[in-house]
Amino acid sequence: MRSAWILRAVTPLSPRPGAPPAGLCDSCRHQKVIANTRGSSFSMCERSKVDERYAKYPRIPVERCPGYEEREGEGS
């Protein structure tokens, strides 16, 4: 029997106890958090859809990114 995977998009990433921060991605307008039914969440870079230089799921924490753009409402 084949398992059905259901993914849902959640933005922004809600830190869970014990979950590593995603670095710059947590405040980037290009981040889309993908969560599965087993409780795991993944930081997806939407820039990867239009620019192959960006990884779809970058290694976290991301400390430097030339495509970083601060999400509205995140600045001080």
PDB file of N, CA and C in Angstrom:
ATOM      1  N   MET A   1       0.836  -1.178   0.000  1.00  0.00           N
ATOM      2  CA  MET A   1       0.000   0.000   0.000  1.00  0.00           C
ATOM      3  C   MET A   1       0.885   1.247   0.000  1.00  0.00           C
ATOM      4  N   ARG A   2       0.548   2.192  -0.791  1.00  0.00           N
ATOM      5  CA  ARG A   2       1.330   3.410  -0.934  1.00  0.00           C
ATOM      6  C   ARG A   2       0.829   4.481   0.032  1.00  0.00           C
ATOM      7  N   SER A   3       1.744   5.136   0.722  1.00  0.00           N
ATOM      8  CA  SER A   3       1.384   6.211   1.641  1.00  0.00           C
ATOM      9  C   SER A   3       1.135   7.486   0.859  1.00  0.00           C
ATOM     10  N   ALA A   4       0.143   8.233   1.270  1.00  0.00           N
ATOM     11  CA  ALA A   4      -0.155   9.514   0.641  1.00  0.00           C
ATOM     12  C   ALA A   4       0.499  10.611   1.461  1.00  0.00           C
ATOM     13  N   TRP A   5       1.307  11.436   0.807  1.00  0.00           N
ATOM     14  CA  TRP A   5       1.955  12.560   1.478  1.00  0.00           C
ATOM     15  C   TRP A   5       1.142  13.800   1.217  1.00  0.00           C
ATOM     16  N   ILE A   6       0.805  14.480   2.265  1.00  0.00           N
ATOM     17  CA  ILE A   6       0.070  15.729   2.135  1.00  0.00           C
ATOM     18  C   ILE A   6       0.970  16.839   2.654  1.00  0.00           C
ATOM     19  N   LEU A   7       1.223  17.820   1.815  1.00  0.00           N
ATOM     20  CA  LEU A   7       2.061  18.957   2.196  1.00  0.00           C
ATOM     21  C   LEU A   7       1.197  20.198   2.257  1.00  0.00           C
ATOM     22  N   ARG A   8       1.499  21.058   3.197  1.00  0.00           N
ATOM     23  CA  ARG A   8       0.788  22.325   3.269  1.00  0.00           C
ATOM     24  C   ARG A   8       1.820  23.428   3.412  1.00  0.00           C
ATOM     25  N   ALA A   9       1.500  24.579   2.885  1.00  0.00           N
ATOM     26  CA  ALA A   9       2.417  25.713   2.958  1.00  0.00           C
ATOM     27  C   ALA A   9       2.067  26.577   4.154  1.00  0.00           C
ATOM     28  N   VAL A  10       3.078  26.994   4.885  1.00  0.00           N
ATOM     29  CA  VAL A  10       2.913  27.844   6.055  1.00  0.00           C
ATOM     30  C   VAL A  10       3.968  28.931   5.961  1.00  0.00           C
ATOM     31  N   THR A  11       3.585  30.171   6.160  1.00  0.00           N
ATOM     32  CA  THR A  11       4.556  31.254   6.117  1.00  0.00           C
ATOM     33  C   THR A  11       4.257  32.217   7.256  1.00  0.00           C
ATOM     34  N   PRO A  12       5.206  32.718   7.935  1.00  0.00           N
ATOM     35  CA  PRO A  12       6.606  32.335   7.978  1.00  0.00           C
ATOM     36  C   PRO A  12       6.840  31.122   8.863  1.00  0.00           C
ATOM     37  N   LEU A  13       8.079  30.680   8.928  1.00  0.00           N
ATOM     38  CA  LEU A  13       8.440  29.522   9.728  1.00  0.00           C
ATOM     39  C   LEU A  13       8.195  29.811  11.197  1.00  0.00           C
ATOM     40  N   SER A  14       7.421  28.953  11.841  1.00  0.00           N
ATOM     41  CA  SER A  14       7.177  29.088  13.271  1.00  0.00           C
ATOM     42  C   SER A  14       8.181  28.216  13.988  1.00  0.00           C
ATOM     43  N   PRO A  15       9.062  28.823  14.767  1.00  0.00           N
ATOM     44  CA  PRO A  15      10.053  28.000  15.456  1.00  0.00           C
ATOM     45  C   PRO A  15       9.390  27.015  16.411  1.00  0.00           C
ATOM     46  N   ARG A  16       9.803  25.776  16.329  1.00  0.00           N
ATOM     47  CA  ARG A  16       9.334  24.746  17.245  1.00  0.00           C
ATOM     48  C   ARG A  16      10.464  24.463  18.213  1.00  0.00           C
ATOM     49  N   PRO A  17      10.143  24.038  19.421  1.00  0.00           N
ATOM     50  CA  PRO A  17      11.220  23.697  20.351  1.00  0.00           C
ATOM     51  C   PRO A  17      12.150  22.662  19.723  1.00  0.00           C
ATOM     52  N   GLY A  18      13.432  22.956  19.720  1.00  0.00           N
ATOM     53  CA  GLY A  18      14.416  22.032  19.171  1.00  0.00           C
ATOM     54  C   GLY A  18      14.659  22.168  17.683  1.00  0.00           C
ATOM     55  N   ALA A  19      13.833  22.951  16.974  1.00  0.00           N
ATOM     56  CA  ALA A  19      14.019  23.128  15.530  1.00  0.00           C
ATOM     57  C   ALA A  19      15.106  24.172  15.289  1.00  0.00           C
ATOM     58  N   PRO A  20      16.029  23.908  14.356  1.00  0.00           N
ATOM     59  CA  PRO A  20      17.080  24.886  14.088  1.00  0.00           C
ATOM     60  C   PRO A  20      16.515  26.099  13.350  1.00  0.00           C
ATOM     61  N   PRO A  21      17.024  27.295  13.625  1.00  0.00           N
ATOM     62  CA  PRO A  21      16.579  28.469  12.876  1.00  0.00           C
ATOM     63  C   PRO A  21      17.084  28.386  11.443  1.00  0.00           C
ATOM     64  N   ALA A  22      16.349  28.983  10.520  1.00  0.00           N
ATOM     65  CA  ALA A  22      16.725  28.936   9.110  1.00  0.00           C
ATOM     66  C   ALA A  22      17.617  30.112   8.719  1.00  0.00           C
ATOM     67  N   GLY A  23      18.059  30.906   9.678  1.00  0.00           N
ATOM     68  CA  GLY A  23      18.946  32.027   9.384  1.00  0.00           C
ATOM     69  C   GLY A  23      18.225  33.139   8.638  1.00  0.00           C
ATOM     70  N   LEU A  24      18.861  33.662   7.589  1.00  0.00           N
ATOM     71  CA  LEU A  24      18.273  34.750   6.809  1.00  0.00           C
ATOM     72  C   LEU A  24      16.903  34.383   6.235  1.00  0.00           C
ATOM     73  N   CYS A  25      16.713  33.128   5.931  1.00  0.00           N
ATOM     74  CA  CYS A  25      15.452  32.692   5.324  1.00  0.00           C
ATOM     75  C   CYS A  25      14.241  33.044   6.190  1.00  0.00           C
ATOM     76  N   ASP A  26      14.416  33.031   7.510  1.00  0.00           N
ATOM     77  CA  ASP A  26      13.297  33.310   8.410  1.00  0.00           C
ATOM     78  C   ASP A  26      12.718  34.706   8.232  1.00  0.00           C
ATOM     79  N   SER A  27      13.497  35.641   7.674  1.00  0.00           N
ATOM     80  CA  SER A  27      12.979  36.993   7.457  1.00  0.00           C
ATOM     81  C   SER A  27      12.992  37.379   5.978  1.00  0.00           C
ATOM     82  N   CYS A  28      13.183  36.410   5.078  1.00  0.00           N
ATOM     83  CA  CYS A  28      13.254  36.695   3.644  1.00  0.00           C
ATOM     84  C   CYS A  28      11.879  36.551   2.985  1.00  0.00           C
ATOM     85  N   ARG A  29      11.596  37.468   2.074  1.00  0.00           N
ATOM     86  CA  ARG A  29      10.308  37.436   1.381  1.00  0.00           C
ATOM     87  C   ARG A  29      10.181  36.256   0.423  1.00  0.00           C
ATOM     88  N   HIS A  30      11.275  35.584   0.106  1.00  0.00           N
ATOM     89  CA  HIS A  30      11.248  34.466  -0.837  1.00  0.00           C
ATOM     90  C   HIS A  30      11.084  33.117  -0.149  1.00  0.00           C
ATOM     91  N   GLN A  31      11.020  33.108   1.186  1.00  0.00           N
ATOM     92  CA  GLN A  31      10.867  31.847   1.908  1.00  0.00           C
ATOM     93  C   GLN A  31       9.409  31.402   1.912  1.00  0.00           C
ATOM     94  N   LYS A  32       9.236  30.116   1.711  1.00  0.00           N
ATOM     95  CA  LYS A  32       7.923  29.488   1.862  1.00  0.00           C
ATOM     96  C   LYS A  32       8.173  28.239   2.696  1.00  0.00           C
ATOM     97  N   VAL A  33       7.484  28.127   3.798  1.00  0.00           N
ATOM     98  CA  VAL A  33       7.680  26.979   4.672  1.00  0.00           C
ATOM     99  C   VAL A  33       6.712  25.882   4.265  1.00  0.00           C
ATOM    100  N   ILE A  34       7.262  24.704   4.024  1.00  0.00           N
ATOM    101  CA  ILE A  34       6.480  23.539   3.650  1.00  0.00           C
ATOM    102  C   ILE A  34       6.462  22.604   4.851  1.00  0.00           C
ATOM    103  N   ALA A  35       5.273  22.247   5.303  1.00  0.00           N
ATOM    104  CA  ALA A  35       5.147  21.339   6.445  1.00  0.00           C
ATOM    105  C   ALA A  35       4.441  20.061   5.985  1.00  0.00           C
ATOM    106  N   ASN A  36       4.904  18.922   6.491  1.00  0.00           N
ATOM    107  CA  ASN A  36       4.224  17.673   6.139  1.00  0.00           C
ATOM    108  C   ASN A  36       3.361  17.199   7.304  1.00  0.00           C
ATOM    109  N   THR A  37       2.619  16.155   7.105  1.00  0.00           N
ATOM    110  CA  THR A  37       1.694  15.666   8.120  1.00  0.00           C
ATOM    111  C   THR A  37       2.393  14.995   9.293  1.00  0.00           C
ATOM    112  N   ARG A  38       3.673  14.752   9.171  1.00  0.00           N
ATOM    113  CA  ARG A  38       4.426  14.132  10.267  1.00  0.00           C
ATOM    114  C   ARG A  38       5.061  15.155  11.196  1.00  0.00           C
ATOM    115  N   GLY A  39       4.819  16.428  10.955  1.00  0.00           N
ATOM    116  CA  GLY A  39       5.319  17.471  11.839  1.00  0.00           C
ATOM    117  C   GLY A  39       6.632  18.095  11.424  1.00  0.00           C
ATOM    118  N   SER A  40       7.219  17.649  10.327  1.00  0.00           N
ATOM    119  CA  SER A  40       8.458  18.247   9.834  1.00  0.00           C
ATOM    120  C   SER A  40       8.133  19.476   8.991  1.00  0.00           C
ATOM    121  N   SER A  41       9.035  20.451   8.999  1.00  0.00           N
ATOM    122  CA  SER A  41       8.860  21.613   8.139  1.00  0.00           C
ATOM    123  C   SER A  41      10.166  21.893   7.412  1.00  0.00           C
ATOM    124  N   PHE A  42      10.038  22.421   6.206  1.00  0.00           N
ATOM    125  CA  PHE A  42      11.173  22.656   5.331  1.00  0.00           C
ATOM    126  C   PHE A  42      11.099  24.076   4.796  1.00  0.00           C
ATOM    127  N   SER A  43      12.231  24.765   4.764  1.00  0.00           N
ATOM    128  CA  SER A  43      12.301  26.120   4.259  1.00  0.00           C
ATOM    129  C   SER A  43      12.605  26.062   2.760  1.00  0.00           C
ATOM    130  N   MET A  44      11.628  26.451   1.942  1.00  0.00           N
ATOM    131  CA  MET A  44      11.793  26.434   0.491  1.00  0.00           C
ATOM    132  C   MET A  44      12.064  27.852  -0.011  1.00  0.00           C
ATOM    133  N   CYS A  45      13.020  27.972  -0.917  1.00  0.00           N
ATOM    134  CA  CYS A  45      13.334  29.261  -1.520  1.00  0.00           C
ATOM    135  C   CYS A  45      12.560  29.386  -2.829  1.00  0.00           C
ATOM    136  N   GLU A  46      11.637  30.349  -2.885  1.00  0.00           N
ATOM    137  CA  GLU A  46      10.849  30.532  -4.098  1.00  0.00           C
ATOM    138  C   GLU A  46      11.647  31.159  -5.233  1.00  0.00           C
ATOM    139  N   ARG A  47      12.814  31.717  -4.942  1.00  0.00           N
ATOM    140  CA  ARG A  47      13.696  32.225  -6.019  1.00  0.00           C
ATOM    141  C   ARG A  47      14.162  31.075  -6.905  1.00  0.00           C
ATOM    142  N   SER A  48      14.219  29.872  -6.345  1.00  0.00           N
ATOM    143  CA  SER A  48      14.683  28.714  -7.112  1.00  0.00           C
ATOM    144  C   SER A  48      13.768  28.410  -8.303  1.00  0.00           C
ATOM    145  N   LYS A  49      12.545  28.908  -8.280  1.00  0.00           N
ATOM    146  CA  LYS A  49      11.613  28.673  -9.393  1.00  0.00           C
ATOM    147  C   LYS A  49      12.005  29.447 -10.649  1.00  0.00           C
ATOM    148  N   VAL A  50      12.676  30.592 -10.456  1.00  0.00           N
ATOM    149  CA  VAL A  50      13.023  31.443 -11.600  1.00  0.00           C
ATOM    150  C   VAL A  50      14.525  31.601 -11.813  1.00  0.00           C
ATOM    151  N   ASP A  51      15.329  31.136 -10.852  1.00  0.00           N
ATOM    152  CA  ASP A  51      16.774  31.290 -10.957  1.00  0.00           C
ATOM    153  C   ASP A  51      17.441  30.024 -10.430  1.00  0.00           C
ATOM    154  N   GLU A  52      18.078  29.285 -11.317  1.00  0.00           N
ATOM    155  CA  GLU A  52      18.671  27.992 -10.946  1.00  0.00           C
ATOM    156  C   GLU A  52      19.871  28.109 -10.013  1.00  0.00           C
ATOM    157  N   ARG A  53      20.367  29.319  -9.778  1.00  0.00           N
ATOM    158  CA  ARG A  53      21.485  29.490  -8.844  1.00  0.00           C
ATOM    159  C   ARG A  53      21.072  29.262  -7.395  1.00  0.00           C
ATOM    160  N   TYR A  54      19.782  29.302  -7.122  1.00  0.00           N
ATOM    161  CA  TYR A  54      19.284  29.143  -5.758  1.00  0.00           C
ATOM    162  C   TYR A  54      18.753  27.731  -5.554  1.00  0.00           C
ATOM    163  N   ALA A  55      19.148  27.140  -4.433  1.00  0.00           N
ATOM    164  CA  ALA A  55      18.684  25.799  -4.092  1.00  0.00           C
ATOM    165  C   ALA A  55      17.219  25.860  -3.677  1.00  0.00           C
ATOM    166  N   LYS A  56      16.442  24.863  -4.084  1.00  0.00           N
ATOM    167  CA  LYS A  56      15.032  24.824  -3.707  1.00  0.00           C
ATOM    168  C   LYS A  56      14.893  24.736  -2.186  1.00  0.00           C
ATOM    169  N   TYR A  57      15.672  23.868  -1.576  1.00  0.00           N
ATOM    170  CA  TYR A  57      15.692  23.715  -0.124  1.00  0.00           C
ATOM    171  C   TYR A  57      17.131  23.940   0.350  1.00  0.00           C
ATOM    172  N   PRO A  58      17.498  25.202   0.658  1.00  0.00           N
ATOM    173  CA  PRO A  58      18.890  25.497   1.037  1.00  0.00           C
ATOM    174  C   PRO A  58      19.260  24.880   2.383  1.00  0.00           C
ATOM    175  N   ARG A  59      20.546  24.595   2.547  1.00  0.00           N
ATOM    176  CA  ARG A  59      21.034  24.124   3.846  1.00  0.00           C
ATOM    177  C   ARG A  59      20.893  25.257   4.847  1.00  0.00           C
ATOM    178  N   ILE A  60      20.371  24.938   5.992  1.00  0.00           N
ATOM    179  CA  ILE A  60      20.174  25.968   7.005  1.00  0.00           C
ATOM    180  C   ILE A  60      21.146  25.757   8.160  1.00  0.00           C
ATOM    181  N   PRO A  61      21.525  26.794   8.840  1.00  0.00           N
ATOM    182  CA  PRO A  61      21.062  28.169   8.687  1.00  0.00           C
ATOM    183  C   PRO A  61      21.772  28.880   7.534  1.00  0.00           C
ATOM    184  N   VAL A  62      21.034  29.683   6.801  1.00  0.00           N
ATOM    185  CA  VAL A  62      21.602  30.482   5.710  1.00  0.00           C
ATOM    186  C   VAL A  62      22.138  31.763   6.336  1.00  0.00           C
ATOM    187  N   GLU A  63      23.431  31.989   6.188  1.00  0.00           N
ATOM    188  CA  GLU A  63      24.063  33.170   6.780  1.00  0.00           C
ATOM    189  C   GLU A  63      24.321  34.279   5.771  1.00  0.00           C
ATOM    190  N   ARG A  64      24.475  33.916   4.484  1.00  0.00           N
ATOM    191  CA  ARG A  64      24.685  34.893   3.414  1.00  0.00           C
ATOM    192  C   ARG A  64      23.897  34.448   2.198  1.00  0.00           C
ATOM    193  N   CYS A  65      23.247  35.399   1.524  1.00  0.00           N
ATOM    194  CA  CYS A  65      22.505  35.074   0.303  1.00  0.00           C
ATOM    195  C   CYS A  65      22.384  36.326  -0.547  1.00  0.00           C
ATOM    196  N   PRO A  66      22.871  36.281  -1.792  1.00  0.00           N
ATOM    197  CA  PRO A  66      22.797  37.470  -2.650  1.00  0.00           C
ATOM    198  C   PRO A  66      21.355  37.816  -3.051  1.00  0.00           C
ATOM    199  N   GLY A  67      20.438  36.882  -2.918  1.00  0.00           N
ATOM    200  CA  GLY A  67      19.051  37.129  -3.293  1.00  0.00           C
ATOM    201  C   GLY A  67      18.147  37.504  -2.137  1.00  0.00           C
ATOM    202  N   TYR A  68      18.738  37.687  -0.954  1.00  0.00           N
ATOM    203  CA  TYR A  68      17.948  38.008   0.236  1.00  0.00           C
ATOM    204  C   TYR A  68      17.232  39.335   0.091  1.00  0.00           C
ATOM    205  N   GLU A  69      15.940  39.346   0.385  1.00  0.00           N
ATOM    206  CA  GLU A  69      15.147  40.567   0.447  1.00  0.00           C
ATOM    207  C   GLU A  69      14.277  40.451   1.692  1.00  0.00           C
ATOM    208  N   GLU A  70      14.385  41.441   2.559  1.00  0.00           N
ATOM    209  CA  GLU A  70      13.652  41.394   3.817  1.00  0.00           C
ATOM    210  C   GLU A  70      12.142  41.380   3.569  1.00  0.00           C
ATOM    211  N   ARG A  71      11.459  40.515   4.291  1.00  0.00           N
ATOM    212  CA  ARG A  71      10.004  40.401   4.211  1.00  0.00           C
ATOM    213  C   ARG A  71       9.391  41.671   4.811  1.00  0.00           C
ATOM    214  N   GLU A  72       8.297  42.152   4.238  1.00  0.00           N
ATOM    215  CA  GLU A  72       7.615  43.349   4.762  1.00  0.00           C
ATOM    216  C   GLU A  72       7.209  43.112   6.201  1.00  0.00           C
ATOM    217  N   GLY A  73       7.395  44.144   7.021  1.00  0.00           N
ATOM    218  CA  GLY A  73       7.004  44.063   8.425  1.00  0.00           C
ATOM    219  C   GLY A  73       8.040  43.422   9.319  1.00  0.00           C
ATOM    220  N   GLU A  74       9.173  42.990   8.777  1.00  0.00           N
ATOM    221  CA  GLU A  74      10.213  42.337   9.569  1.00  0.00           C
ATOM    222  C   GLU A  74      11.254  43.333  10.074  1.00  0.00           C
ATOM    223  N   GLY A  75      11.374  44.485   9.442  1.00  0.00           N
ATOM    224  CA  GLY A  75      12.413  45.445   9.793  1.00  0.00           C
ATOM    225  C   GLY A  75      12.087  46.204  11.059  1.00  0.00           C
ATOM    226  N   SER A  76      13.084  46.923  11.551  1.00  0.00           N
ATOM    227  CA  SER A  76      12.866  47.694  12.776  1.00  0.00           C
ATOM    228  C   SER A  76      12.544  49.137  12.462  1.00  0.00           C
TER     229      SER A  76
END
